[in-house]
């Protein structure tokens, strides 16, 4: 069942979103070549403790860390560990936190040092694909409008769309109805004011095929080419939308 948030719940979602924004600002202070992904996880955990938040990923279906960190050909769900971030990497950080029982979900893909122009374009166009999708959001629009806009933008820039993973509703649970695909599934679900959804393009430089690594979590591109991910938690309003997790 799709949840329509009350005014009180919307305020709590806004507060969770603000916490998520601040968490990314803290991450950005530390993210550089030479740091391990586990150190970034520790930065996140320290932030959550200090800000009265909880990780929504820690323990979810057995996931062992407080944040997902995916590098280069890793699409999503990379597990922090001893891996050292290097010059030339692109690093996707997916953070879902809970504040007073309400979740905020956002992902950013960061460029570390020098990368090729095509990889820069991948990262930038994944962000722009999100905005192509979110511009469709308003009461009375359909999920399909978002999905089609993202897919059209991605394909027009020579990028493929991962189809095994989709955006989703969000609220007191990290994953709620409805699904929000990044490709046209002809989903005619109507958006209503008070819905909160996570819109999250996952775009590949090569083809769309992916697989799950031996750790049973990390999703990687089959051709080994880079993938980028950009996500925000979005509130549907009467005449448009409000991005709850910054820009």
C-alpha atoms as a PDB file:
ATOM      1  CA  UNK A   1       0.000   0.000   0.000  1.00  0.00           C
ATOM      2  CA  UNK A   2       1.295   3.454  -0.896  1.00  0.00           C
ATOM      3  CA  UNK A   3       1.752   5.731   2.115  1.00  0.00           C
ATOM      4  CA  UNK A   4       0.537   9.341   2.017  1.00  0.00           C
ATOM      5  CA  UNK A   5       2.401  11.275   4.685  1.00  0.00           C
ATOM      6  CA  UNK A   6       0.663  13.613   7.123  1.00  0.00           C
ATOM      7  CA  UNK A   7       2.013  17.121   7.751  1.00  0.00           C
ATOM      8  CA  UNK A   8       3.715  15.836  10.897  1.00  0.00           C
ATOM      9  CA  UNK A   9       5.328  12.995   8.981  1.00  0.00           C
ATOM     10  CA  UNK A  10       6.468  15.329   6.225  1.00  0.00           C
ATOM     11  CA  UNK A  11       8.229  17.495   8.800  1.00  0.00           C
ATOM     12  CA  UNK A  12       9.993  14.431  10.186  1.00  0.00           C
ATOM     13  CA  UNK A  13      10.989  13.405   6.655  1.00  0.00           C
ATOM     14  CA  UNK A  14      12.401  16.905   6.129  1.00  0.00           C
ATOM     15  CA  UNK A  15      14.421  16.607   9.320  1.00  0.00           C
ATOM     16  CA  UNK A  16      15.750  13.209   8.251  1.00  0.00           C
ATOM     17  CA  UNK A  17      16.665  14.716   4.890  1.00  0.00           C
ATOM     18  CA  UNK A  18      18.587  17.547   6.548  1.00  0.00           C
ATOM     19  CA  UNK A  19      20.537  15.003   8.575  1.00  0.00           C
ATOM     20  CA  UNK A  20      21.361  13.111   5.401  1.00  0.00           C
ATOM     21  CA  UNK A  21      22.678  16.293   3.751  1.00  0.00           C
ATOM     22  CA  UNK A  22      24.889  17.002   6.772  1.00  0.00           C
ATOM     23  CA  UNK A  23      26.193  13.439   6.736  1.00  0.00           C
ATOM     24  CA  UNK A  24      27.362  13.837   3.144  1.00  0.00           C
ATOM     25  CA  UNK A  25      29.082  17.112   4.025  1.00  0.00           C
ATOM     26  CA  UNK A  26      30.973  15.241   6.730  1.00  0.00           C
ATOM     27  CA  UNK A  27      31.867  12.421   4.334  1.00  0.00           C
ATOM     28  CA  UNK A  28      33.202  14.949   1.823  1.00  0.00           C
ATOM     29  CA  UNK A  29      35.675  16.264   4.405  1.00  0.00           C
ATOM     30  CA  UNK A  30      37.367  12.859   4.478  1.00  0.00           C
ATOM     31  CA  UNK A  31      36.865  11.418   0.999  1.00  0.00           C
ATOM     32  CA  UNK A  32      40.174  11.420  -0.885  1.00  0.00           C
ATOM     33  CA  UNK A  33      42.757   9.160  -2.455  1.00  0.00           C
ATOM     34  CA  UNK A  34      44.419   6.923   0.151  1.00  0.00           C
ATOM     35  CA  UNK A  35      41.467   6.487   2.509  1.00  0.00           C
ATOM     36  CA  UNK A  36      39.871   3.083   3.007  1.00  0.00           C
ATOM     37  CA  UNK A  37      36.177   2.514   2.464  1.00  0.00           C
ATOM     38  CA  UNK A  38      35.954   1.235   6.043  1.00  0.00           C
ATOM     39  CA  UNK A  39      37.211   4.603   7.297  1.00  0.00           C
ATOM     40  CA  UNK A  40      34.344   6.290   5.464  1.00  0.00           C
ATOM     41  CA  UNK A  41      31.984   3.830   7.150  1.00  0.00           C
ATOM     42  CA  UNK A  42      33.434   4.882  10.505  1.00  0.00           C
ATOM     43  CA  UNK A  43      32.921   8.550   9.626  1.00  0.00           C
ATOM     44  CA  UNK A  44      29.263   7.763   8.901  1.00  0.00           C
ATOM     45  CA  UNK A  45      28.822   5.813  12.128  1.00  0.00           C
ATOM     46  CA  UNK A  46      30.330   8.629  14.187  1.00  0.00           C
ATOM     47  CA  UNK A  47      28.027  11.140  12.520  1.00  0.00           C
ATOM     48  CA  UNK A  48      24.949   9.012  13.168  1.00  0.00           C
ATOM     49  CA  UNK A  49      25.764   8.672  16.854  1.00  0.00           C
ATOM     50  CA  UNK A  50      26.351  12.410  17.266  1.00  0.00           C
ATOM     51  CA  UNK A  51      23.130  13.292  15.443  1.00  0.00           C
ATOM     52  CA  UNK A  52      20.727  10.832  17.078  1.00  0.00           C
ATOM     53  CA  UNK A  53      20.281   8.850  13.866  1.00  0.00           C
ATOM     54  CA  UNK A  54      20.481   5.201  12.920  1.00  0.00           C
ATOM     55  CA  UNK A  55      21.778   3.467   9.821  1.00  0.00           C
ATOM     56  CA  UNK A  56      18.920   1.884   7.892  1.00  0.00           C
ATOM     57  CA  UNK A  57      21.272  -0.467   6.040  1.00  0.00           C
ATOM     58  CA  UNK A  58      23.165  -1.918   9.013  1.00  0.00           C
ATOM     59  CA  UNK A  59      21.690  -5.379   9.592  1.00  0.00           C
ATOM     60  CA  UNK A  60      19.153  -5.052   6.766  1.00  0.00           C
ATOM     61  CA  UNK A  61      18.824  -8.611   5.438  1.00  0.00           C
ATOM     62  CA  UNK A  62      22.262  -9.203   6.911  1.00  0.00           C
ATOM     63  CA  UNK A  63      24.072  -6.218   5.368  1.00  0.00           C
ATOM     64  CA  UNK A  64      27.103  -5.678   7.629  1.00  0.00           C
ATOM     65  CA  UNK A  65      27.853  -1.932   7.361  1.00  0.00           C
ATOM     66  CA  UNK A  66      26.272   1.483   7.893  1.00  0.00           C
ATOM     67  CA  UNK A  67      26.726   2.765   4.341  1.00  0.00           C
ATOM     68  CA  UNK A  68      27.136   1.320   0.836  1.00  0.00           C
ATOM     69  CA  UNK A  69      30.288   2.303  -1.070  1.00  0.00           C
ATOM     70  CA  UNK A  70      30.612   1.199  -4.685  1.00  0.00           C
ATOM     71  CA  UNK A  71      33.667   1.914  -6.845  1.00  0.00           C
ATOM     72  CA  UNK A  72      34.068   2.083 -10.635  1.00  0.00           C
ATOM     73  CA  UNK A  73      32.307  -0.987 -12.108  1.00  0.00           C
ATOM     74  CA  UNK A  74      30.362  -1.549  -8.874  1.00  0.00           C
ATOM     75  CA  UNK A  75      26.811  -0.309  -9.360  1.00  0.00           C
ATOM     76  CA  UNK A  76      25.416  -0.544  -5.820  1.00  0.00           C
ATOM     77  CA  UNK A  77      25.699  -2.251  -2.431  1.00  0.00           C
ATOM     78  CA  UNK A  78      29.490  -2.309  -2.189  1.00  0.00           C
ATOM     79  CA  UNK A  79      30.537  -3.314   1.335  1.00  0.00           C
ATOM     80  CA  UNK A  80      33.089  -1.045   3.059  1.00  0.00           C
ATOM     81  CA  UNK A  81      36.317  -2.777   4.014  1.00  0.00           C
ATOM     82  CA  UNK A  82      40.079  -2.567   3.537  1.00  0.00           C
ATOM     83  CA  UNK A  83      39.884  -1.341  -0.061  1.00  0.00           C
ATOM     84  CA  UNK A  84      41.833   1.883  -0.578  1.00  0.00           C
ATOM     85  CA  UNK A  85      40.260   4.609  -2.703  1.00  0.00           C
ATOM     86  CA  UNK A  86      42.677   5.673  -5.433  1.00  0.00           C
ATOM     87  CA  UNK A  87      43.216   8.500  -7.891  1.00  0.00           C
ATOM     88  CA  UNK A  88      41.069   7.817 -10.958  1.00  0.00           C
ATOM     89  CA  UNK A  89      38.277   6.069  -9.058  1.00  0.00           C
ATOM     90  CA  UNK A  90      34.638   7.076  -9.104  1.00  0.00           C
ATOM     91  CA  UNK A  91      33.003   6.348  -5.763  1.00  0.00           C
ATOM     92  CA  UNK A  92      29.247   6.018  -5.226  1.00  0.00           C
ATOM     93  CA  UNK A  93      28.156   6.480  -1.618  1.00  0.00           C
ATOM     94  CA  UNK A  94      24.603   5.395  -0.804  1.00  0.00           C
ATOM     95  CA  UNK A  95      23.463   6.496   2.650  1.00  0.00           C
ATOM     96  CA  UNK A  96      20.089   5.695   4.183  1.00  0.00           C
ATOM     97  CA  UNK A  97      19.559   6.992   7.707  1.00  0.00           C
ATOM     98  CA  UNK A  98      16.633   6.952  10.076  1.00  0.00           C
ATOM     99  CA  UNK A  99      15.786   9.929  12.287  1.00  0.00           C
ATOM    100  CA  UNK A 100      12.935   9.591  14.783  1.00  0.00           C
ATOM    101  CA  UNK A 101      11.684   6.605  12.808  1.00  0.00           C
ATOM    102  CA  UNK A 102      11.713   8.216   9.352  1.00  0.00           C
ATOM    103  CA  UNK A 103      14.168   7.432   6.575  1.00  0.00           C
ATOM    104  CA  UNK A 104      16.112   9.602   4.148  1.00  0.00           C
ATOM    105  CA  UNK A 105      17.959   7.984   1.247  1.00  0.00           C
ATOM    106  CA  UNK A 106      20.521   9.647  -1.026  1.00  0.00           C
ATOM    107  CA  UNK A 107      23.453   8.652  -3.214  1.00  0.00           C
ATOM    108  CA  UNK A 108      26.288  10.683  -4.679  1.00  0.00           C
ATOM    109  CA  UNK A 109      28.996   9.555  -7.093  1.00  0.00           C
ATOM    110  CA  UNK A 110      32.312  11.321  -6.511  1.00  0.00           C
ATOM    111  CA  UNK A 111      35.246  11.672  -8.884  1.00  0.00           C
ATOM    112  CA  UNK A 112      38.592  11.097  -7.172  1.00  0.00           C
ATOM    113  CA  UNK A 113      41.466  12.813  -8.951  1.00  0.00           C
ATOM    114  CA  UNK A 114      41.800  12.517 -12.708  1.00  0.00           C
ATOM    115  CA  UNK A 115      39.403  10.503 -14.863  1.00  0.00           C
ATOM    116  CA  UNK A 116      38.637  10.429 -18.569  1.00  0.00           C
ATOM    117  CA  UNK A 117      36.186  12.853 -20.151  1.00  0.00           C
ATOM    118  CA  UNK A 118      33.738  10.025 -20.822  1.00  0.00           C
ATOM    119  CA  UNK A 119      33.745   9.027 -17.137  1.00  0.00           C
ATOM    120  CA  UNK A 120      33.208  12.668 -16.130  1.00  0.00           C
ATOM    121  CA  UNK A 121      30.270  12.751 -18.533  1.00  0.00           C
ATOM    122  CA  UNK A 122      28.877   9.522 -17.056  1.00  0.00           C
ATOM    123  CA  UNK A 123      28.852  11.002 -13.551  1.00  0.00           C
ATOM    124  CA  UNK A 124      27.414  14.344 -14.661  1.00  0.00           C
ATOM    125  CA  UNK A 125      24.757  12.840 -16.896  1.00  0.00           C
ATOM    126  CA  UNK A 126      23.619  10.422 -14.194  1.00  0.00           C
ATOM    127  CA  UNK A 127      22.913  13.446 -11.996  1.00  0.00           C
ATOM    128  CA  UNK A 128      21.159  15.194 -14.875  1.00  0.00           C
ATOM    129  CA  UNK A 129      19.082  12.078 -15.540  1.00  0.00           C
ATOM    130  CA  UNK A 130      17.783  12.362 -11.969  1.00  0.00           C
ATOM    131  CA  UNK A 131      16.707  15.935 -12.665  1.00  0.00           C
ATOM    132  CA  UNK A 132      15.062  14.917 -15.921  1.00  0.00           C
ATOM    133  CA  UNK A 133      13.021  12.445 -13.890  1.00  0.00           C
ATOM    134  CA  UNK A 134      12.213  14.651 -10.931  1.00  0.00           C
ATOM    135  CA  UNK A 135      10.940  17.433 -13.218  1.00  0.00           C
ATOM    136  CA  UNK A 136       8.049  15.100 -14.045  1.00  0.00           C
ATOM    137  CA  UNK A 137       6.952  14.897 -10.407  1.00  0.00           C
ATOM    138  CA  UNK A 138       3.698  16.529  -9.359  1.00  0.00           C
ATOM    139  CA  UNK A 139       0.295  15.418  -8.155  1.00  0.00           C
ATOM    140  CA  UNK A 140      -1.546  13.671 -10.974  1.00  0.00           C
ATOM    141  CA  UNK A 141       1.570  12.645 -12.870  1.00  0.00           C
ATOM    142  CA  UNK A 142       2.435   8.964 -13.213  1.00  0.00           C
ATOM    143  CA  UNK A 143       5.427   6.881 -12.229  1.00  0.00           C
ATOM    144  CA  UNK A 144       5.854   6.156 -15.935  1.00  0.00           C
ATOM    145  CA  UNK A 145       6.524   9.848 -16.582  1.00  0.00           C
ATOM    146  CA  UNK A 146       9.548   9.742 -14.275  1.00  0.00           C
ATOM    147  CA  UNK A 147      10.844   6.451 -15.642  1.00  0.00           C
ATOM    148  CA  UNK A 148      10.501   7.447 -19.279  1.00  0.00           C
ATOM    149  CA  UNK A 149      12.222  10.800 -18.733  1.00  0.00           C
ATOM    150  CA  UNK A 150      15.220   9.156 -17.065  1.00  0.00           C
ATOM    151  CA  UNK A 151      15.528   6.474 -19.724  1.00  0.00           C
ATOM    152  CA  UNK A 152      15.184   8.961 -22.572  1.00  0.00           C
ATOM    153  CA  UNK A 153      17.853  11.233 -21.106  1.00  0.00           C
ATOM    154  CA  UNK A 154      20.246   8.338 -20.451  1.00  0.00           C
ATOM    155  CA  UNK A 155      19.912   6.872 -23.928  1.00  0.00           C
ATOM    156  CA  UNK A 156      20.264  10.275 -25.581  1.00  0.00           C
ATOM    157  CA  UNK A 157      23.685  10.537 -23.930  1.00  0.00           C
ATOM    158  CA  UNK A 158      24.819   7.055 -24.881  1.00  0.00           C
ATOM    159  CA  UNK A 159      24.355   5.500 -21.443  1.00  0.00           C
ATOM    160  CA  UNK A 160      22.583   2.275 -20.529  1.00  0.00           C
ATOM    161  CA  UNK A 161      20.089   1.898 -17.691  1.00  0.00           C
ATOM    162  CA  UNK A 162      20.380  -0.853 -15.084  1.00  0.00           C
ATOM    163  CA  UNK A 163      17.030  -2.665 -15.008  1.00  0.00           C
ATOM    164  CA  UNK A 164      17.487  -5.054 -12.075  1.00  0.00           C
ATOM    165  CA  UNK A 165      17.348  -2.201  -9.555  1.00  0.00           C
ATOM    166  CA  UNK A 166      14.792   0.586  -9.151  1.00  0.00           C
ATOM    167  CA  UNK A 167      13.826   3.523  -6.990  1.00  0.00           C
ATOM    168  CA  UNK A 168      11.112   3.162  -4.384  1.00  0.00           C
ATOM    169  CA  UNK A 169       8.757   4.703  -1.907  1.00  0.00           C
ATOM    170  CA  UNK A 170      10.246   5.610   1.459  1.00  0.00           C
ATOM    171  CA  UNK A 171       9.032   6.623   4.906  1.00  0.00           C
ATOM    172  CA  UNK A 172       9.020   4.662   8.143  1.00  0.00           C
ATOM    173  CA  UNK A 173      10.456   1.838   6.048  1.00  0.00           C
ATOM    174  CA  UNK A 174      13.505   2.171   3.814  1.00  0.00           C
ATOM    175  CA  UNK A 175      11.675   0.482   0.938  1.00  0.00           C
ATOM    176  CA  UNK A 176       7.972   1.128   0.465  1.00  0.00           C
ATOM    177  CA  UNK A 177       5.560   1.094  -2.456  1.00  0.00           C
ATOM    178  CA  UNK A 178       5.635   2.181  -5.217  1.00  0.00           C
ATOM    179  CA  UNK A 179       8.617   1.022  -7.256  1.00  0.00           C
ATOM    180  CA  UNK A 180      10.133   3.848  -9.304  1.00  0.00           C
ATOM    181  CA  UNK A 181      11.987   2.309 -12.277  1.00  0.00           C
ATOM    182  CA  UNK A 182      14.583   4.215 -14.287  1.00  0.00           C
ATOM    183  CA  UNK A 183      13.227   2.711 -17.510  1.00  0.00           C
ATOM    184  CA  UNK A 184       9.761   2.663 -19.052  1.00  0.00           C
ATOM    185  CA  UNK A 185       7.716  -0.173 -17.572  1.00  0.00           C
ATOM    186  CA  UNK A 186       4.379   1.474 -18.424  1.00  0.00           C
ATOM    187  CA  UNK A 187       3.761   1.905 -14.670  1.00  0.00           C
ATOM    188  CA  UNK A 188       0.631   4.051 -14.550  1.00  0.00           C
ATOM    189  CA  UNK A 189       0.579   4.577 -10.770  1.00  0.00           C
ATOM    190  CA  UNK A 190      -0.649   8.115 -10.111  1.00  0.00           C
ATOM    191  CA  UNK A 191       1.411  10.394  -7.878  1.00  0.00           C
ATOM    192  CA  UNK A 192      -0.401  12.089  -5.008  1.00  0.00           C
ATOM    193  CA  UNK A 193       0.661  14.960  -2.774  1.00  0.00           C
ATOM    194  CA  UNK A 194       2.231  13.605   0.393  1.00  0.00           C
ATOM    195  CA  UNK A 195       3.944  10.647  -1.265  1.00  0.00           C
ATOM    196  CA  UNK A 196       7.682  10.372  -0.628  1.00  0.00           C
ATOM    197  CA  UNK A 197       9.817   8.515  -3.148  1.00  0.00           C
ATOM    198  CA  UNK A 198      13.474   7.813  -3.785  1.00  0.00           C
ATOM    199  CA  UNK A 199      14.431   8.495  -7.391  1.00  0.00           C
ATOM    200  CA  UNK A 200      17.805   6.956  -8.245  1.00  0.00           C
ATOM    201  CA  UNK A 201      19.209   6.583 -11.757  1.00  0.00           C
ATOM    202  CA  UNK A 202      21.920   3.895 -12.024  1.00  0.00           C
ATOM    203  CA  UNK A 203      23.572   4.316 -15.407  1.00  0.00           C
ATOM    204  CA  UNK A 204      26.391   2.397 -17.083  1.00  0.00           C
ATOM    205  CA  UNK A 205      29.047   3.558 -19.495  1.00  0.00           C
ATOM    206  CA  UNK A 206      28.845   0.182 -21.252  1.00  0.00           C
ATOM    207  CA  UNK A 207      25.894  -2.177 -21.536  1.00  0.00           C
ATOM    208  CA  UNK A 208      23.145  -2.596 -18.973  1.00  0.00           C
ATOM    209  CA  UNK A 209      24.005  -6.148 -17.847  1.00  0.00           C
ATOM    210  CA  UNK A 210      24.982  -6.616 -14.194  1.00  0.00           C
ATOM    211  CA  UNK A 211      25.696  -9.454 -11.784  1.00  0.00           C
ATOM    212  CA  UNK A 212      25.997  -9.959  -8.017  1.00  0.00           C
ATOM    213  CA  UNK A 213      29.540 -10.543  -6.763  1.00  0.00           C
ATOM    214  CA  UNK A 214      30.611 -13.418  -4.519  1.00  0.00           C
ATOM    215  CA  UNK A 215      29.912 -11.359  -1.375  1.00  0.00           C
ATOM    216  CA  UNK A 216      26.183 -11.685  -2.236  1.00  0.00           C
ATOM    217  CA  UNK A 217      25.738  -7.906  -2.101  1.00  0.00           C
ATOM    218  CA  UNK A 218      27.893  -5.950  -4.529  1.00  0.00           C
ATOM    219  CA  UNK A 219      26.260  -5.487  -7.946  1.00  0.00           C
ATOM    220  CA  UNK A 220      28.803  -5.036 -10.755  1.00  0.00           C
ATOM    221  CA  UNK A 221      28.696  -4.389 -14.486  1.00  0.00           C
ATOM    222  CA  UNK A 222      29.243  -7.510 -16.579  1.00  0.00           C
ATOM    223  CA  UNK A 223      31.583  -5.722 -18.985  1.00  0.00           C
ATOM    224  CA  UNK A 224      33.698  -4.165 -16.221  1.00  0.00           C
ATOM    225  CA  UNK A 225      32.976  -0.606 -17.357  1.00  0.00           C
ATOM    226  CA  UNK A 226      32.095   2.140 -14.855  1.00  0.00           C
ATOM    227  CA  UNK A 227      28.652   2.809 -13.423  1.00  0.00           C
ATOM    228  CA  UNK A 228      27.324   5.918 -11.662  1.00  0.00           C
ATOM    229  CA  UNK A 229      24.438   6.424  -9.238  1.00  0.00           C
ATOM    230  CA  UNK A 230      22.611   9.565  -8.127  1.00  0.00           C
ATOM    231  CA  UNK A 231      19.659   9.576  -5.729  1.00  0.00           C
ATOM    232  CA  UNK A 232      17.458  11.819  -3.628  1.00  0.00           C
ATOM    233  CA  UNK A 233      14.408  11.458  -1.437  1.00  0.00           C
ATOM    234  CA  UNK A 234      11.598  13.499  -2.987  1.00  0.00           C
ATOM    235  CA  UNK A 235       8.259  14.740  -1.654  1.00  0.00           C
ATOM    236  CA  UNK A 236       5.359  14.965  -4.103  1.00  0.00           C
ATOM    237  CA  UNK A 237       3.461  18.266  -3.731  1.00  0.00           C
ATOM    238  CA  UNK A 238       0.269  19.646  -5.272  1.00  0.00           C
ATOM    239  CA  UNK A 239       2.139  21.565  -7.938  1.00  0.00           C
ATOM    240  CA  UNK A 240       5.494  19.811  -8.117  1.00  0.00           C
ATOM    241  CA  UNK A 241       8.087  18.379  -5.774  1.00  0.00           C
ATOM    242  CA  UNK A 242      10.475  19.069  -2.921  1.00  0.00           C
ATOM    243  CA  UNK A 243      13.876  17.411  -2.785  1.00  0.00           C
ATOM    244  CA  UNK A 244      14.399  16.461   0.862  1.00  0.00           C
ATOM    245  CA  UNK A 245      18.037  15.433   0.609  1.00  0.00           C
ATOM    246  CA  UNK A 246      19.572  18.456  -1.105  1.00  0.00           C
ATOM    247  CA  UNK A 247      20.797  18.709  -4.673  1.00  0.00           C
END
